[in-house]
Amino acid sequence: MIILECIGHEYFNEVSDIIKLFYGKTKISFHKNSDNNIQDTDLLLTSKIIFDENLSSFTSSYLNLNDGNNKEITYTYTKKNQIQDKKEIKIALKISMYKLLSDVTGKKIPWGILTGIRPVKIVHQLIDKGMNDDEILNYFQTQYYADRDRAQLAIDVAKVQRKYIKNNDKNKISFYIGIPFCPSRCNYCSFTSNSIVKNKDLVKPYIDSLILEIKEVSKYLISKGVKAQSIYIGGGTPTSIETGELEILLNCINEFWMDNEEFTCEAGRPDTISIDKLKALKEAGITRLSINPQTMDDSTLKRIGRKHNHSQIIEAFYLARSLDFNNINMDIIIGLPGEGLKEFENTIDCINKLNPENVTVHTLAIKRASIYNEIDFNNKQLHDNTAYKMMELARNNLEANGYYPYYLYRQKYMADNLENIGYCMKGKECIYNIQIMEEKQSIVAFGADAVTKVYFSEEDRLERQHNIKDLRLYIKNIDAQIDKKIRLLDELY
């Protein structure tokens, strides 16, 4: 356990975020007095502000209570004049703790003190202020202590995205439709997912409620002159439902939004893919398909809770190609338990041979809702540089095959504090992925646990509406959720 004492401020959460970069999920307790209850404590950390007349000092201290010598290590970050701005104070506190723990542990975090999930948004803001590439690189390195290569990666991604997020029209929006069913739950998964076997009786009433939500909200939006840019059917695993159920849903969507630029459906689990389902998707106008192996190693697939092997992944991919799907995404995950560089390199080689138009490289993040978190999973690859080597291997091999990065986001508790990156072939960027991450467009979401984000461009702000997560409650309260969504949209239109 770690005790954190804050002196002269109460930014416990902000300083704790930096500590977690180095110590993961180790419990951090807040104590105003470090003498109180330090039993069973491994580290005592102090974060202190001192304001002098012409100087602001931010001091972080480290005391290892297990080594017996009670030697305190400190680092002080100073700024001229008294800082009054809360944002500047938080950044200075983070820098002080980051520099201290980096020195003590010998670790250097690729993204420095950045703990937010959307570093590319910062690049867009700096470009809008007129900064050039060198100025942005310097800003990331001096303000956030990020590595130069990570800052350059964020710049590269932002440049690809500019044409999609500049001058967005409030009447052009995107849609998310959630199917929260899966054949089984992967051990790393934190998304809303319900066993389709155990919840078979809920599939029809859920689809009925989902269709009602789509119809009522779509009629409202069309009356306001709204057009669809992209549609994304996700989950769960959308292809876990029966072909007939899938066709009913697709027909409902096309009743209102057939005229769109991009229509994606996740078919993430190859064991849910059939020729009939693929034909239904093709006939409904799906332009982008996601077939997600996560790994091509059969032992790992079994270990993470998948019910298929790598041969089924390849078979599903070529089945989709035979029906002329010419924009396929494949997800892979870095840092899966039991995998080393050899297994990961094999996965990258297999992906490059298949040559899908999109490859999304995720870094394993153990979230609270995952099975790994429930069993207190502790993968050493979350704490050494194996994941970093895997990410560089993926980047080098994919770029050599003609892919380039087009979207990027981060999560807490990621292996080696890395990122998730979407790669694509020329002209095959996923519009929805860009819009959901950069948050410059309204995205209306349907289904259990779906989150609608309404973007007010004049104020550059988002308002959110959360649907109920529980399936039965979502179905029971569907009318209230529809009304709540329309009331929020009324603020924009």
Protein backbone atom coordinates (compact mmCIF):
# COMPACT_ATOMS: atom_id res chain seq x y z
CA MET A 1 0.00 0.00 0.00
CA ILE A 2 1.07 3.60 -0.70
CA ILE A 3 0.23 6.53 1.53
CA LEU A 4 0.07 9.93 -0.14
CA GLU A 5 0.23 13.06 1.97
CA CYS A 6 -0.74 16.34 0.31
CA ILE A 7 0.53 19.53 1.92
CA GLY A 8 -0.71 22.92 0.77
CA HIS A 9 -3.20 21.49 -1.71
CA GLU A 10 -5.95 18.88 -2.15
CA TYR A 11 -5.17 17.56 -5.64
CA PHE A 12 -4.95 13.98 -4.42
CA ASN A 13 -6.50 12.44 -7.54
CA GLU A 14 -4.23 14.29 -9.95
CA VAL A 15 -1.06 13.27 -8.09
CA SER A 16 -2.39 9.71 -7.67
CA ASP A 17 -2.78 9.43 -11.45
CA ILE A 18 0.98 9.94 -11.80
CA ILE A 19 1.76 7.43 -9.05
CA LYS A 20 -0.38 4.83 -10.85
CA LEU A 21 1.78 5.20 -13.96
CA PHE A 22 4.64 3.68 -11.96
CA TYR A 23 2.83 1.37 -9.51
CA GLY A 24 -0.30 0.28 -11.38
CA LYS A 25 -3.19 -0.74 -9.16
CA THR A 26 -1.31 -0.63 -5.85
CA LYS A 27 -3.71 0.88 -3.31
CA ILE A 28 -3.11 4.57 -2.62
CA SER A 29 -4.50 6.05 0.60
CA PHE A 30 -4.81 9.73 1.38
CA HIS A 31 -3.49 10.90 4.74
CA LYS A 32 -3.29 14.46 5.99
CA ASN A 33 -0.88 13.34 8.69
CA SER A 34 1.74 10.81 7.63
CA ASP A 35 2.12 9.59 11.23
CA ASN A 36 -1.37 8.15 11.15
CA ASN A 37 -1.75 4.44 10.51
CA ILE A 38 1.30 3.64 8.38
CA GLN A 39 1.19 -0.05 9.24
CA ASP A 40 1.30 -2.33 6.19
CA THR A 41 2.46 0.64 4.11
CA ASP A 42 5.25 0.13 1.58
CA LEU A 43 5.78 3.72 0.48
CA LEU A 44 5.12 7.11 1.98
CA LEU A 45 4.85 9.80 -0.70
CA THR A 46 4.43 13.50 -0.03
CA SER A 47 3.29 16.21 -2.46
CA LYS A 48 3.79 19.77 -1.22
CA ILE A 49 3.33 23.33 -2.50
CA ILE A 50 5.13 26.32 -1.05
CA PHE A 51 4.36 29.80 -2.38
CA ASP A 52 7.03 32.42 -1.74
CA GLU A 53 6.82 36.02 -2.87
CA ASN A 54 8.59 35.46 -6.20
CA LEU A 55 8.64 31.66 -6.43
CA SER A 56 6.33 28.64 -6.48
CA SER A 57 7.90 25.39 -5.27
CA PHE A 58 6.38 21.95 -5.89
CA THR A 59 8.15 19.26 -3.87
CA SER A 60 7.57 15.52 -3.98
CA SER A 61 9.15 13.17 -1.43
CA TYR A 62 9.67 9.41 -1.41
CA LEU A 63 10.22 7.26 1.68
CA ASN A 64 10.53 3.48 1.40
CA LEU A 65 9.29 2.08 4.70
CA ASN A 66 10.62 -1.42 3.97
CA ASP A 67 14.34 -0.76 3.53
CA GLY A 68 14.96 0.22 7.17
CA ASN A 69 17.21 3.24 6.56
CA ASN A 70 14.37 5.83 6.48
CA LYS A 71 16.17 7.77 3.77
CA GLU A 72 13.89 10.34 2.17
CA ILE A 73 14.37 11.26 -1.51
CA THR A 74 12.94 14.53 -2.80
CA TYR A 75 12.51 16.40 -6.05
CA THR A 76 11.51 20.08 -6.28
CA TYR A 77 10.08 21.72 -9.37
CA THR A 78 10.09 25.52 -9.25
CA LYS A 79 8.31 28.22 -11.23
CA LYS A 80 8.95 31.97 -11.13
CA ASN A 81 6.19 33.98 -9.46
CA GLN A 82 3.17 32.63 -7.66
CA ILE A 83 1.03 30.41 -9.87
CA GLN A 84 -2.68 31.09 -9.48
CA ASP A 85 -4.07 29.07 -12.38
CA LYS A 86 -5.42 25.71 -11.15
CA LYS A 87 -4.48 23.91 -14.37
CA GLU A 88 -0.88 25.12 -14.10
CA ILE A 89 -0.74 24.07 -10.45
CA LYS A 90 -1.96 20.57 -11.27
CA ILE A 91 0.58 20.21 -14.08
CA ALA A 92 3.41 21.38 -11.82
CA LEU A 93 2.42 18.90 -9.10
CA LYS A 94 2.31 16.11 -11.67
CA ILE A 95 5.74 17.04 -13.04
CA SER A 96 7.25 17.05 -9.55
CA MET A 97 5.92 13.57 -8.70
CA TYR A 98 6.74 12.24 -12.17
CA LYS A 99 10.36 13.39 -12.02
CA LEU A 100 10.78 11.97 -8.52
CA LEU A 101 9.35 8.53 -9.32
CA SER A 102 11.13 8.36 -12.67
CA ASP A 103 14.44 8.89 -10.87
CA VAL A 104 13.61 6.47 -8.04
CA THR A 105 12.29 3.63 -10.23
CA GLY A 106 14.45 4.17 -13.30
CA LYS A 107 11.30 4.08 -15.45
CA LYS A 108 10.55 6.52 -18.25
CA ILE A 109 6.89 6.69 -19.29
CA PRO A 110 6.42 7.12 -23.07
CA TRP A 111 3.64 9.69 -22.68
CA GLY A 112 5.17 11.41 -19.65
CA ILE A 113 2.59 12.98 -17.33
CA LEU A 114 -0.23 12.66 -19.88
CA THR A 115 -2.94 10.48 -18.37
CA GLY A 116 -5.89 11.52 -20.58
CA ILE A 117 -7.15 9.17 -23.25
CA ARG A 118 -6.98 11.57 -26.22
CA PRO A 119 -3.52 13.08 -26.74
CA VAL A 120 -4.31 13.77 -30.42
CA LYS A 121 -6.95 16.29 -29.29
CA ILE A 122 -4.12 18.35 -27.81
CA VAL A 123 -2.33 18.34 -31.16
CA HIS A 124 -5.46 19.58 -32.93
CA GLN A 125 -5.77 22.40 -30.39
CA LEU A 126 -2.14 23.41 -30.91
CA ILE A 127 -2.48 23.32 -34.70
CA ASP A 128 -5.54 25.57 -34.39
CA LYS A 129 -3.37 28.01 -32.41
CA GLY A 130 -0.94 28.15 -35.33
CA MET A 131 1.88 26.00 -33.96
CA ASN A 132 4.11 24.14 -36.43
CA ASP A 133 5.44 20.59 -35.98
CA ASP A 134 8.64 21.58 -34.18
CA GLU A 135 6.74 23.80 -31.75
CA ILE A 136 4.26 21.00 -31.00
CA LEU A 137 7.07 18.49 -30.46
CA ASN A 138 8.75 20.89 -28.07
CA TYR A 139 5.45 21.53 -26.27
CA PHE A 140 4.83 17.81 -25.66
CA GLN A 141 8.40 17.27 -24.43
CA THR A 142 8.63 20.30 -22.13
CA GLN A 143 5.02 20.53 -20.91
CA TYR A 144 4.22 16.83 -20.57
CA TYR A 145 7.67 15.15 -20.59
CA ALA A 146 6.42 12.89 -23.40
CA ASP A 147 8.91 11.05 -25.62
CA ARG A 148 9.62 12.74 -28.95
CA ASP A 149 8.49 9.67 -30.93
CA ARG A 150 5.12 9.60 -29.12
CA ALA A 151 4.62 13.30 -29.80
CA GLN A 152 5.48 12.75 -33.47
CA LEU A 153 3.03 9.84 -33.62
CA ALA A 154 0.26 12.10 -32.29
CA ILE A 155 1.14 14.74 -34.91
CA ASP A 156 1.09 12.17 -37.72
CA VAL A 157 -2.34 10.94 -36.65
CA ALA A 158 -3.74 14.47 -36.34
CA LYS A 159 -2.64 15.37 -39.87
CA VAL A 160 -4.57 12.42 -41.29
CA GLN A 161 -7.67 13.40 -39.30
CA ARG A 162 -7.83 17.10 -40.13
CA LYS A 163 -9.99 16.73 -43.22
CA TYR A 164 -12.59 14.76 -41.24
CA ILE A 165 -12.96 17.00 -38.18
CA LYS A 166 -12.56 20.49 -39.64
CA ASN A 167 -15.74 22.52 -40.21
CA ASN A 168 -18.14 19.86 -38.98
CA ASP A 169 -21.80 20.57 -39.72
CA LYS A 170 -24.20 19.98 -36.79
CA ASN A 171 -26.62 18.40 -39.27
CA LYS A 172 -24.11 15.69 -40.19
CA ILE A 173 -23.80 13.16 -37.37
CA SER A 174 -22.78 9.55 -36.73
CA PHE A 175 -24.61 6.65 -35.11
CA TYR A 176 -23.68 3.80 -32.79
CA ILE A 177 -25.91 0.74 -32.41
CA GLY A 178 -25.01 -1.65 -29.59
CA ILE A 179 -25.63 -5.42 -29.56
CA PRO A 180 -24.58 -6.46 -26.03
CA PHE A 181 -24.44 -10.23 -26.62
CA CYS A 182 -21.47 -12.59 -27.05
CA PRO A 183 -21.05 -16.36 -27.35
CA SER A 184 -18.65 -16.15 -24.37
CA ARG A 185 -16.89 -13.44 -22.40
CA CYS A 186 -13.20 -12.85 -23.10
CA ASN A 187 -11.16 -12.61 -19.91
CA TYR A 188 -9.82 -9.14 -20.74
CA CYS A 189 -13.15 -7.64 -21.86
CA SER A 190 -14.69 -4.69 -20.00
CA PHE A 191 -17.45 -3.87 -22.48
CA THR A 192 -21.16 -4.52 -21.98
CA SER A 193 -21.45 -8.19 -22.91
CA ASN A 194 -24.03 -10.78 -21.98
CA SER A 195 -23.93 -14.49 -22.74
CA ILE A 196 -26.30 -15.05 -25.63
CA VAL A 197 -26.88 -18.62 -24.42
CA LYS A 198 -27.92 -17.55 -20.91
CA ASN A 199 -29.92 -14.56 -22.17
CA LYS A 200 -31.56 -16.08 -25.25
CA ASP A 201 -35.02 -15.09 -24.02
CA LEU A 202 -33.97 -11.43 -23.95
CA VAL A 203 -32.68 -11.18 -27.52
CA LYS A 204 -36.06 -10.58 -29.21
CA PRO A 205 -37.39 -8.07 -26.66
CA TYR A 206 -34.03 -6.33 -26.75
CA ILE A 207 -34.05 -6.06 -30.56
CA ASP A 208 -37.67 -4.84 -30.41
CA SER A 209 -36.74 -2.10 -27.93
CA LEU A 210 -33.63 -1.17 -29.91
CA ILE A 211 -35.67 -0.82 -33.09
CA LEU A 212 -38.24 1.35 -31.29
CA GLU A 213 -35.43 3.61 -30.05
CA ILE A 214 -33.89 3.87 -33.53
CA LYS A 215 -37.24 4.62 -35.18
CA GLU A 216 -38.43 7.31 -32.78
CA VAL A 217 -35.14 9.16 -32.54
CA SER A 218 -34.49 8.84 -36.30
CA LYS A 219 -37.88 10.34 -37.15
CA TYR A 220 -37.06 13.27 -34.90
CA LEU A 221 -33.61 13.79 -36.46
CA ILE A 222 -34.86 13.57 -40.03
CA SER A 223 -37.48 16.23 -39.24
CA LYS A 224 -34.53 18.49 -38.31
CA GLY A 225 -32.72 17.88 -41.60
CA VAL A 226 -30.00 15.64 -40.14
CA LYS A 227 -27.83 13.42 -42.38
CA ALA A 228 -25.76 10.36 -41.39
CA GLN A 229 -22.03 10.41 -41.98
CA SER A 230 -21.16 7.04 -40.44
CA ILE A 231 -22.99 4.15 -38.75
CA TYR A 232 -21.26 1.68 -36.46
CA ILE A 233 -22.84 -1.54 -35.17
CA GLY A 234 -20.78 -2.77 -32.22
CA GLY A 235 -21.07 -4.83 -29.09
CA GLY A 236 -20.64 -7.36 -27.66
CA THR A 237 -20.66 -9.27 -30.90
CA PRO A 238 -23.40 -8.18 -33.34
CA THR A 239 -23.05 -11.38 -35.38
CA SER A 240 -23.89 -13.48 -32.29
CA ILE A 241 -27.60 -12.90 -32.97
CA GLU A 242 -29.46 -14.97 -35.59
CA THR A 243 -29.42 -13.99 -39.27
CA GLY A 244 -33.14 -13.13 -39.23
CA GLU A 245 -32.72 -10.88 -36.20
CA LEU A 246 -29.77 -9.18 -37.85
CA GLU A 247 -31.78 -8.59 -41.04
CA ILE A 248 -34.65 -6.99 -39.08
CA LEU A 249 -32.23 -4.60 -37.41
CA LEU A 250 -30.44 -3.73 -40.66
CA ASN A 251 -33.74 -3.08 -42.44
CA CYS A 252 -34.76 -0.70 -39.68
CA ILE A 253 -31.50 1.25 -39.95
CA ASN A 254 -31.77 1.45 -43.74
CA GLU A 255 -35.34 2.69 -43.50
CA PHE A 256 -33.89 5.98 -42.21
CA TRP A 257 -30.17 6.14 -42.92
CA MET A 258 -29.38 4.35 -46.17
CA ASP A 259 -27.59 7.45 -47.48
CA ASN A 260 -24.31 7.43 -45.52
CA GLU A 261 -20.55 7.58 -46.15
CA GLU A 262 -19.57 4.57 -44.04
CA PHE A 263 -21.46 1.62 -42.55
CA THR A 264 -19.47 -0.63 -40.19
CA CYS A 265 -20.46 -3.86 -38.48
CA GLU A 266 -18.31 -5.74 -36.01
CA ALA A 267 -18.16 -9.46 -36.72
CA GLY A 268 -15.45 -9.79 -34.12
CA ARG A 269 -15.75 -13.46 -33.29
CA PRO A 270 -15.13 -15.74 -36.27
CA ASP A 271 -17.15 -18.48 -34.60
CA THR A 272 -20.26 -16.27 -35.08
CA ILE A 273 -19.68 -15.66 -38.79
CA SER A 274 -21.62 -17.59 -41.43
CA ILE A 275 -22.17 -17.16 -45.16
CA ASP A 276 -25.82 -16.23 -44.52
CA LYS A 277 -24.92 -13.49 -42.04
CA LEU A 278 -22.24 -12.08 -44.34
CA LYS A 279 -24.70 -12.04 -47.24
CA ALA A 280 -27.23 -10.21 -45.06
CA LEU A 281 -24.61 -7.62 -44.13
CA LYS A 282 -23.51 -7.19 -47.74
CA GLU A 283 -27.07 -6.80 -49.05
CA ALA A 284 -27.81 -4.22 -46.33
CA GLY A 285 -24.94 -2.03 -47.54
CA ILE A 286 -22.29 -2.70 -44.90
CA THR A 287 -19.13 -1.10 -46.30
CA ARG A 288 -16.70 -1.94 -43.50
CA LEU A 289 -16.41 -5.22 -41.59
CA SER A 290 -14.41 -5.94 -38.45
CA ILE A 291 -13.09 -9.49 -37.94
CA ASN A 292 -11.04 -9.49 -34.75
CA PRO A 293 -8.53 -12.26 -34.04
CA GLN A 294 -6.77 -10.50 -31.07
CA THR A 295 -4.03 -13.10 -31.58
CA MET A 296 -3.19 -15.86 -34.04
CA ASP A 297 -1.82 -18.13 -31.31
CA ASP A 298 -4.21 -20.99 -30.50
CA SER A 299 -2.92 -21.46 -26.95
CA THR A 300 -3.49 -17.78 -26.19
CA LEU A 301 -6.96 -17.84 -27.74
CA LYS A 302 -7.91 -20.64 -25.38
CA ARG A 303 -6.28 -18.88 -22.42
CA ILE A 304 -8.23 -15.63 -22.93
CA GLY A 305 -11.59 -17.40 -23.24
CA ARG A 306 -12.10 -17.57 -27.00
CA LYS A 307 -13.94 -20.55 -28.48
CA HIS A 308 -12.21 -20.64 -31.87
CA ASN A 309 -8.75 -21.19 -33.36
CA HIS A 310 -6.63 -19.18 -35.78
CA SER A 311 -7.73 -21.30 -38.78
CA GLN A 312 -11.32 -20.15 -38.26
CA ILE A 313 -10.13 -16.53 -38.31
CA ILE A 314 -8.46 -17.04 -41.67
CA GLU A 315 -11.48 -18.94 -43.02
CA ALA A 316 -13.86 -16.13 -41.94
CA PHE A 317 -11.62 -13.50 -43.52
CA TYR A 318 -11.53 -15.20 -46.92
CA LEU A 319 -15.26 -15.91 -46.74
CA ALA A 320 -15.83 -12.16 -46.38
CA ARG A 321 -13.42 -11.47 -49.26
CA SER A 322 -15.35 -13.90 -51.45
CA LEU A 323 -18.41 -11.69 -50.99
CA ASP A 324 -16.42 -8.61 -52.09
CA PHE A 325 -15.99 -6.98 -48.69
CA ASN A 326 -13.16 -4.62 -49.61
CA ASN A 327 -12.73 -2.80 -46.28
CA ILE A 328 -11.96 -5.21 -43.44
CA ASN A 329 -10.52 -4.33 -40.03
CA MET A 330 -8.70 -6.77 -37.76
CA ASP A 331 -7.99 -6.10 -34.05
CA ILE A 332 -4.97 -7.49 -32.23
CA ILE A 333 -3.90 -7.08 -28.60
CA ILE A 334 -0.42 -6.47 -27.21
CA GLY A 335 0.46 -7.95 -23.81
CA LEU A 336 -1.88 -10.95 -23.68
CA PRO A 337 -0.93 -13.42 -20.93
CA GLY A 338 1.67 -15.99 -21.89
CA GLU A 339 2.63 -14.27 -25.14
CA GLY A 340 6.16 -13.15 -25.95
CA LEU A 341 7.68 -11.44 -28.96
CA LYS A 342 7.78 -14.70 -30.94
CA GLU A 343 4.01 -15.29 -30.67
CA PHE A 344 3.21 -11.65 -31.35
CA GLU A 345 5.48 -11.50 -34.38
CA ASN A 346 3.68 -14.55 -35.78
CA THR A 347 0.35 -12.70 -35.36
CA ILE A 348 1.69 -9.64 -37.20
CA ASP A 349 3.06 -11.81 -40.00
CA CYS A 350 -0.31 -13.54 -40.41
CA ILE A 351 -2.14 -10.21 -40.48
CA ASN A 352 0.23 -8.80 -43.10
CA LYS A 353 -0.32 -11.87 -45.29
CA LEU A 354 -4.10 -11.46 -45.06
CA ASN A 355 -3.64 -7.75 -45.89
CA PRO A 356 -6.83 -6.25 -44.40
CA GLU A 357 -7.47 -2.58 -45.05
CA ASN A 358 -7.45 -1.70 -41.31
CA VAL A 359 -5.46 -3.10 -38.38
CA THR A 360 -6.17 -1.87 -34.86
CA VAL A 361 -3.38 -2.54 -32.36
CA HIS A 362 -4.67 -2.51 -28.79
CA THR A 363 -2.50 -2.57 -25.67
CA LEU A 364 -3.88 -4.80 -22.92
CA ALA A 365 -5.55 -2.78 -20.16
CA ILE A 366 -6.99 -4.57 -17.14
CA LYS A 367 -10.25 -2.76 -16.36
CA ARG A 368 -12.54 -3.21 -13.36
CA ALA A 369 -15.25 -4.98 -15.38
CA SER A 370 -12.90 -7.65 -16.78
CA ILE A 371 -12.51 -11.22 -15.52
CA TYR A 372 -8.76 -10.66 -15.18
CA ASN A 373 -9.45 -7.89 -12.70
CA GLU A 374 -11.84 -10.08 -10.74
CA ILE A 375 -9.19 -12.80 -10.33
CA ASP A 376 -6.49 -10.22 -9.54
CA PHE A 377 -4.61 -11.05 -12.72
CA ASN A 378 -0.98 -9.93 -12.58
CA ASN A 379 0.81 -10.21 -15.89
CA LYS A 380 4.50 -9.33 -15.65
CA GLN A 381 4.27 -7.95 -19.18
CA LEU A 382 2.28 -5.08 -17.71
CA HIS A 383 5.40 -4.04 -15.81
CA ASP A 384 8.39 -4.60 -18.11
CA ASN A 385 9.12 -3.35 -21.63
CA THR A 386 7.82 -6.38 -23.54
CA ALA A 387 4.68 -4.52 -24.60
CA TYR A 388 6.78 -1.59 -25.82
CA LYS A 389 8.86 -3.93 -27.99
CA MET A 390 5.66 -5.49 -29.36
CA MET A 391 4.25 -2.07 -30.22
CA GLU A 392 7.42 -1.07 -32.07
CA LEU A 393 7.45 -4.40 -33.90
CA ALA A 394 3.82 -3.87 -34.97
CA ARG A 395 4.48 -0.31 -36.06
CA ASN A 396 7.57 -1.15 -38.11
CA ASN A 397 6.09 -4.22 -39.80
CA LEU A 398 2.72 -2.63 -40.58
CA GLU A 399 4.23 0.57 -41.94
CA ALA A 400 6.58 -1.50 -44.11
CA ASN A 401 3.46 -3.14 -45.57
CA GLY A 402 1.85 0.20 -46.49
CA TYR A 403 -0.21 1.00 -43.38
CA TYR A 404 -0.16 4.34 -41.58
CA PRO A 405 -1.68 5.44 -38.23
CA TYR A 406 -4.96 7.36 -38.38
CA TYR A 407 -6.41 7.28 -34.86
CA LEU A 408 -5.03 6.84 -31.36
CA TYR A 409 -6.32 6.70 -27.82
CA ARG A 410 -5.18 5.62 -24.39
CA GLN A 411 -6.63 3.96 -21.28
CA LYS A 412 -5.63 3.58 -17.66
CA TYR A 413 -3.55 0.57 -16.60
CA MET A 414 -2.23 -0.14 -20.08
CA ALA A 415 0.82 -2.36 -20.45
CA ASP A 416 3.94 -0.15 -20.43
CA ASN A 417 1.63 2.91 -20.39
CA LEU A 418 1.30 2.77 -24.17
CA GLU A 419 -1.67 3.39 -26.47
CA ASN A 420 -4.14 1.87 -28.91
CA ILE A 421 -3.49 2.74 -32.56
CA GLY A 422 -5.60 2.29 -35.65
CA TYR A 423 -3.65 1.67 -38.88
CA CYS A 424 -5.08 1.72 -42.37
CA MET A 425 -4.23 1.50 -46.03
CA LYS A 426 -4.42 4.68 -48.10
CA GLY A 427 -7.91 6.19 -48.08
CA LYS A 428 -9.34 3.53 -45.73
CA GLU A 429 -9.61 5.55 -42.51
CA CYS A 430 -12.59 4.62 -40.33
CA ILE A 431 -14.58 7.86 -40.08
CA TYR A 432 -16.49 6.70 -37.00
CA ASN A 433 -13.30 5.90 -35.07
CA ILE A 434 -11.94 9.37 -35.77
CA GLN A 435 -15.15 11.15 -34.80
CA ILE A 436 -15.71 9.20 -31.57
CA MET A 437 -12.15 9.91 -30.40
CA GLU A 438 -11.74 13.55 -31.41
CA GLU A 439 -15.25 14.56 -30.24
CA LYS A 440 -15.99 17.22 -32.83
CA GLN A 441 -19.24 15.65 -34.01
CA SER A 442 -22.49 14.54 -32.37
CA ILE A 443 -22.81 10.77 -32.11
CA VAL A 444 -26.23 9.34 -31.31
CA ALA A 445 -26.03 5.94 -29.66
CA PHE A 446 -28.72 3.29 -29.38
CA GLY A 447 -28.92 0.25 -27.12
CA ALA A 448 -28.13 -0.82 -23.56
CA ASP A 449 -25.24 1.13 -22.00
CA ALA A 450 -24.88 3.25 -25.15
CA VAL A 451 -23.70 6.83 -24.63
CA THR A 452 -24.97 9.61 -26.88
CA LYS A 453 -22.59 12.58 -27.22
CA VAL A 454 -24.09 15.84 -28.48
CA TYR A 455 -21.51 18.37 -29.66
CA PHE A 456 -22.12 22.10 -29.35
CA SER A 457 -19.53 23.56 -31.71
CA GLU A 458 -19.92 27.21 -30.72
CA GLU A 459 -18.98 26.36 -27.13
CA ASP A 460 -16.75 23.39 -28.04
CA ARG A 461 -18.47 21.21 -25.45
CA LEU A 462 -20.16 17.81 -25.21
CA GLU A 463 -23.31 16.78 -23.40
CA ARG A 464 -23.87 13.08 -22.75
CA GLN A 465 -26.94 10.89 -22.37
CA HIS A 466 -26.38 7.42 -20.94
CA ASN A 467 -28.72 4.54 -21.69
CA ILE A 468 -29.39 1.98 -18.95
CA LYS A 469 -26.84 -0.85 -18.86
CA ASP A 470 -29.01 -3.67 -17.50
CA LEU A 471 -30.85 -5.41 -20.36
CA ARG A 472 -34.14 -5.91 -18.55
CA LEU A 473 -34.21 -2.35 -17.23
CA TYR A 474 -33.27 -1.00 -20.66
CA ILE A 475 -36.21 -2.87 -22.21
CA LYS A 476 -38.62 -1.88 -19.43
CA ASN A 477 -37.68 1.81 -19.55
CA ILE A 478 -37.18 2.27 -23.28
CA ASP A 479 -39.75 5.09 -23.62
CA ALA A 480 -38.10 7.17 -20.91
CA GLN A 481 -34.68 6.74 -22.54
CA ILE A 482 -36.05 7.83 -25.92
CA ASP A 483 -37.61 10.94 -24.34
CA LYS A 484 -34.38 11.79 -22.51
CA LYS A 485 -32.36 11.51 -25.74
CA ILE A 486 -34.75 13.70 -27.71
CA ARG A 487 -34.77 16.33 -24.94
CA LEU A 488 -30.98 16.54 -25.15
CA LEU A 489 -31.02 16.76 -28.94
CA ASP A 490 -33.59 19.54 -28.65
CA GLU A 491 -30.89 21.69 -27.06
CA LEU A 492 -28.90 21.47 -30.30
CA TYR A 493 -31.72 21.59 -32.87
